[in-house]
């Protein structure tokens, strides 16, 4: 059951991050899920030591979703830098 929640939360987080970074037209649902899950891992790596927030991607929480979206935005910002040379 945890993997189903991870995929759903990852998809929502990736979709929200793609809307924030204005990349929604270039990403499909599969990339939204991948970006959301990887973004959640990045967000947990950043939020854990810095803010003392420990979230699990296998359990739904609003804080976990926010951390996943922030991590996904960071990931998309890095991808923009690599692809285009600027963050938009």
N, C-alpha and C. Protein backbone atom coordinates (compact mmCIF):
# COMPACT_ATOMS: atom_id res chain seq x y z
N UNK A 1 0.82 -1.20 0.00
CA UNK A 1 0.00 0.00 0.00
C UNK A 1 0.86 1.26 0.00
N UNK A 2 2.03 1.18 0.61
CA UNK A 2 2.91 2.35 0.68
C UNK A 2 3.40 2.80 -0.69
N UNK A 3 3.64 1.86 -1.59
CA UNK A 3 4.12 2.23 -2.93
C UNK A 3 3.04 2.92 -3.73
N UNK A 4 1.79 2.53 -3.53
CA UNK A 4 0.69 3.20 -4.23
C UNK A 4 0.59 4.65 -3.75
N UNK A 5 0.70 4.86 -2.46
CA UNK A 5 0.67 6.21 -1.91
C UNK A 5 1.86 7.01 -2.43
N UNK A 6 3.04 6.40 -2.50
CA UNK A 6 4.23 7.08 -3.00
C UNK A 6 4.05 7.51 -4.46
N UNK A 7 3.44 6.66 -5.27
CA UNK A 7 3.22 7.00 -6.68
C UNK A 7 2.21 8.13 -6.80
N UNK A 8 1.13 8.08 -6.04
CA UNK A 8 0.11 9.13 -6.11
C UNK A 8 0.66 10.46 -5.61
N UNK A 9 1.32 10.44 -4.45
CA UNK A 9 1.90 11.68 -3.91
C UNK A 9 3.00 12.19 -4.83
N UNK A 10 3.81 11.30 -5.38
CA UNK A 10 4.85 11.70 -6.32
C UNK A 10 4.27 12.34 -7.56
N UNK A 11 3.18 11.78 -8.07
CA UNK A 11 2.53 12.35 -9.25
C UNK A 11 1.99 13.75 -8.99
N UNK A 12 1.34 13.92 -7.85
CA UNK A 12 0.79 15.23 -7.48
C UNK A 12 1.92 16.24 -7.26
N UNK A 13 2.96 15.82 -6.55
CA UNK A 13 4.09 16.72 -6.28
C UNK A 13 4.80 17.10 -7.58
N UNK A 14 5.01 16.14 -8.46
CA UNK A 14 5.65 16.42 -9.75
C UNK A 14 4.81 17.34 -10.61
N UNK A 15 3.50 17.12 -10.61
CA UNK A 15 2.60 17.97 -11.39
C UNK A 15 2.61 19.40 -10.86
N UNK A 16 2.52 19.56 -9.53
CA UNK A 16 2.56 20.91 -8.94
C UNK A 16 3.89 21.60 -9.22
N UNK A 17 4.98 20.86 -9.11
CA UNK A 17 6.30 21.45 -9.39
C UNK A 17 6.42 21.85 -10.86
N UNK A 18 5.87 21.05 -11.77
CA UNK A 18 5.94 21.40 -13.19
C UNK A 18 5.09 22.63 -13.49
N UNK A 19 3.99 22.81 -12.76
CA UNK A 19 3.19 24.04 -12.91
C UNK A 19 3.96 25.25 -12.40
N UNK A 20 4.62 25.10 -11.25
CA UNK A 20 5.39 26.21 -10.67
C UNK A 20 6.54 26.60 -11.58
N UNK A 21 7.22 25.61 -12.15
CA UNK A 21 8.40 25.87 -12.99
C UNK A 21 8.04 26.06 -14.47
N UNK A 22 6.75 26.08 -14.80
CA UNK A 22 6.27 26.33 -16.16
C UNK A 22 6.81 25.31 -17.15
N UNK A 23 6.83 24.03 -16.74
CA UNK A 23 7.30 22.94 -17.61
C UNK A 23 6.21 21.91 -17.85
N UNK A 24 4.97 22.25 -17.60
CA UNK A 24 3.90 21.27 -17.67
C UNK A 24 3.70 20.74 -19.09
N UNK A 25 3.92 21.56 -20.09
CA UNK A 25 3.71 21.13 -21.48
C UNK A 25 4.74 20.11 -21.92
N UNK A 26 5.92 20.12 -21.32
CA UNK A 26 6.99 19.22 -21.77
C UNK A 26 7.06 17.92 -20.98
N UNK A 27 6.16 17.72 -20.01
CA UNK A 27 6.24 16.54 -19.14
C UNK A 27 4.92 15.78 -19.21
N UNK A 28 5.03 14.46 -19.25
CA UNK A 28 3.85 13.61 -19.18
C UNK A 28 3.63 13.12 -17.76
N UNK A 29 2.64 12.29 -17.58
CA UNK A 29 2.30 11.81 -16.25
C UNK A 29 3.42 10.97 -15.64
N UNK A 30 4.10 10.18 -16.48
CA UNK A 30 5.19 9.33 -15.97
C UNK A 30 6.34 10.20 -15.45
N UNK A 31 6.70 11.24 -16.18
CA UNK A 31 7.77 12.13 -15.71
C UNK A 31 7.35 12.90 -14.48
N UNK A 32 6.06 13.26 -14.38
CA UNK A 32 5.58 13.92 -13.16
C UNK A 32 5.77 13.02 -11.95
N UNK A 33 5.46 11.75 -12.09
CA UNK A 33 5.62 10.81 -10.98
C UNK A 33 7.10 10.65 -10.62
N UNK A 34 7.95 10.49 -11.63
CA UNK A 34 9.38 10.33 -11.38
C UNK A 34 9.97 11.57 -10.73
N UNK A 35 9.64 12.75 -11.26
CA UNK A 35 10.15 14.00 -10.68
C UNK A 35 9.63 14.17 -9.25
N UNK A 36 8.37 13.81 -9.01
CA UNK A 36 7.82 13.94 -7.66
C UNK A 36 8.49 13.02 -6.66
N UNK A 37 8.76 11.78 -7.05
CA UNK A 37 9.40 10.83 -6.13
C UNK A 37 10.85 11.23 -5.87
N UNK A 38 11.58 11.57 -6.93
CA UNK A 38 12.97 12.01 -6.75
C UNK A 38 13.00 13.33 -5.98
N UNK A 39 12.05 14.22 -6.28
CA UNK A 39 11.96 15.48 -5.55
C UNK A 39 11.68 15.27 -4.08
N UNK A 40 10.88 14.27 -3.76
CA UNK A 40 10.61 13.95 -2.36
C UNK A 40 11.88 13.50 -1.65
N UNK A 41 12.67 12.68 -2.33
CA UNK A 41 13.95 12.26 -1.74
C UNK A 41 14.87 13.45 -1.52
N UNK A 42 14.95 14.33 -2.52
CA UNK A 42 15.78 15.54 -2.39
C UNK A 42 15.26 16.42 -1.26
N UNK A 43 13.94 16.61 -1.22
CA UNK A 43 13.35 17.43 -0.16
C UNK A 43 13.60 16.87 1.22
N UNK A 44 13.52 15.55 1.36
CA UNK A 44 13.79 14.93 2.66
C UNK A 44 15.26 15.06 3.04
N UNK A 45 16.15 14.99 2.06
CA UNK A 45 17.58 15.17 2.35
C UNK A 45 17.86 16.60 2.79
N UNK A 46 17.16 17.56 2.21
CA UNK A 46 17.36 18.97 2.58
C UNK A 46 16.63 19.34 3.87
N UNK A 47 15.39 18.89 4.01
CA UNK A 47 14.57 19.30 5.15
C UNK A 47 14.95 18.58 6.44
N UNK A 48 15.42 17.35 6.34
CA UNK A 48 15.75 16.59 7.55
C UNK A 48 16.81 17.25 8.40
N UNK A 49 18.03 17.43 7.86
CA UNK A 49 19.08 18.02 8.69
C UNK A 49 18.89 19.51 8.95
N UNK A 50 18.36 20.25 7.99
CA UNK A 50 18.25 21.70 8.14
C UNK A 50 17.10 22.11 9.05
N UNK A 51 15.94 21.49 8.88
CA UNK A 51 14.75 21.91 9.62
C UNK A 51 14.29 20.90 10.66
N UNK A 52 14.89 19.72 10.67
CA UNK A 52 14.48 18.70 11.61
C UNK A 52 13.15 18.06 11.26
N UNK A 53 12.76 18.12 9.98
CA UNK A 53 11.50 17.53 9.53
C UNK A 53 11.80 16.16 8.95
N UNK A 54 11.20 15.14 9.51
CA UNK A 54 11.35 13.79 8.99
C UNK A 54 10.01 13.34 8.44
N UNK A 55 9.92 13.17 7.14
CA UNK A 55 8.69 12.72 6.51
C UNK A 55 8.97 11.44 5.75
N UNK A 56 7.96 10.67 5.56
CA UNK A 56 8.06 9.43 4.80
C UNK A 56 7.20 9.55 3.57
N UNK A 57 7.74 9.15 2.43
CA UNK A 57 6.96 9.21 1.21
C UNK A 57 5.88 8.13 1.20
N UNK A 58 5.99 7.13 2.07
CA UNK A 58 5.02 6.04 2.08
C UNK A 58 3.82 6.33 2.97
N UNK A 59 3.80 7.45 3.63
CA UNK A 59 2.66 7.88 4.43
C UNK A 59 2.27 9.27 3.96
N UNK A 60 0.98 9.50 3.77
CA UNK A 60 0.55 10.82 3.31
C UNK A 60 0.47 11.80 4.45
N UNK A 61 1.05 12.98 4.22
CA UNK A 61 0.89 14.11 5.12
C UNK A 61 1.07 15.38 4.29
N UNK A 62 0.45 16.44 4.75
CA UNK A 62 0.56 17.72 4.03
C UNK A 62 2.00 18.21 4.05
N UNK A 63 2.68 18.05 5.19
CA UNK A 63 4.08 18.48 5.27
C UNK A 63 4.93 17.67 4.30
N UNK A 64 4.68 16.37 4.21
CA UNK A 64 5.41 15.53 3.26
C UNK A 64 5.18 15.95 1.82
N UNK A 65 3.94 16.34 1.50
CA UNK A 65 3.63 16.82 0.15
C UNK A 65 4.35 18.13 -0.14
N UNK A 66 4.38 19.04 0.81
CA UNK A 66 5.07 20.32 0.62
C UNK A 66 6.57 20.08 0.44
N UNK A 67 7.14 19.20 1.25
CA UNK A 67 8.57 18.89 1.12
C UNK A 67 8.85 18.26 -0.24
N UNK A 68 7.96 17.39 -0.71
CA UNK A 68 8.13 16.76 -2.02
C UNK A 68 8.05 17.79 -3.14
N UNK A 69 7.12 18.72 -3.04
CA UNK A 69 6.98 19.76 -4.08
C UNK A 69 8.21 20.66 -4.09
N UNK A 70 8.70 21.05 -2.93
CA UNK A 70 9.90 21.90 -2.87
C UNK A 70 11.10 21.15 -3.45
N UNK A 71 11.25 19.89 -3.11
CA UNK A 71 12.34 19.10 -3.67
C UNK A 71 12.21 18.94 -5.18
N UNK A 72 10.99 18.76 -5.68
CA UNK A 72 10.77 18.63 -7.12
C UNK A 72 11.05 19.94 -7.84
N UNK A 73 10.72 21.07 -7.22
CA UNK A 73 11.03 22.37 -7.81
C UNK A 73 12.54 22.56 -7.89
N UNK A 74 13.25 22.16 -6.85
CA UNK A 74 14.71 22.23 -6.87
C UNK A 74 15.27 21.35 -7.99
N UNK A 75 14.73 20.14 -8.12
CA UNK A 75 15.17 19.24 -9.18
C UNK A 75 14.91 19.83 -10.56
N UNK A 76 13.73 20.39 -10.79
CA UNK A 76 13.42 20.98 -12.09
C UNK A 76 14.27 22.23 -12.35
N UNK A 77 14.61 22.97 -11.29
CA UNK A 77 15.50 24.12 -11.45
C UNK A 77 16.89 23.70 -11.90
N UNK A 78 17.39 22.61 -11.35
CA UNK A 78 18.69 22.09 -11.77
C UNK A 78 18.63 21.59 -13.21
N UNK A 79 17.53 20.91 -13.56
CA UNK A 79 17.37 20.44 -14.93
C UNK A 79 17.31 21.61 -15.90
N UNK A 80 16.61 22.68 -15.53
CA UNK A 80 16.57 23.88 -16.37
C UNK A 80 17.95 24.49 -16.55
N UNK A 81 18.74 24.51 -15.48
CA UNK A 81 20.09 25.05 -15.59
C UNK A 81 20.94 24.24 -16.55
N UNK A 82 20.81 22.93 -16.47
CA UNK A 82 21.61 22.06 -17.32
C UNK A 82 21.16 22.16 -18.78
N UNK A 83 19.84 22.17 -19.01
CA UNK A 83 19.33 22.17 -20.37
C UNK A 83 19.42 23.53 -21.04
N UNK A 84 19.07 24.58 -20.34
CA UNK A 84 18.95 25.89 -20.97
C UNK A 84 19.97 26.92 -20.49
N UNK A 85 20.65 26.63 -19.43
CA UNK A 85 21.61 27.57 -18.90
C UNK A 85 21.01 28.64 -18.03
N UNK A 86 19.70 28.54 -17.73
CA UNK A 86 19.07 29.52 -16.84
C UNK A 86 17.86 28.87 -16.16
N UNK A 87 17.49 29.40 -15.00
CA UNK A 87 16.30 28.95 -14.30
C UNK A 87 15.18 29.88 -14.69
N UNK A 88 14.06 29.32 -15.12
CA UNK A 88 12.94 30.20 -15.48
C UNK A 88 11.84 30.10 -14.48
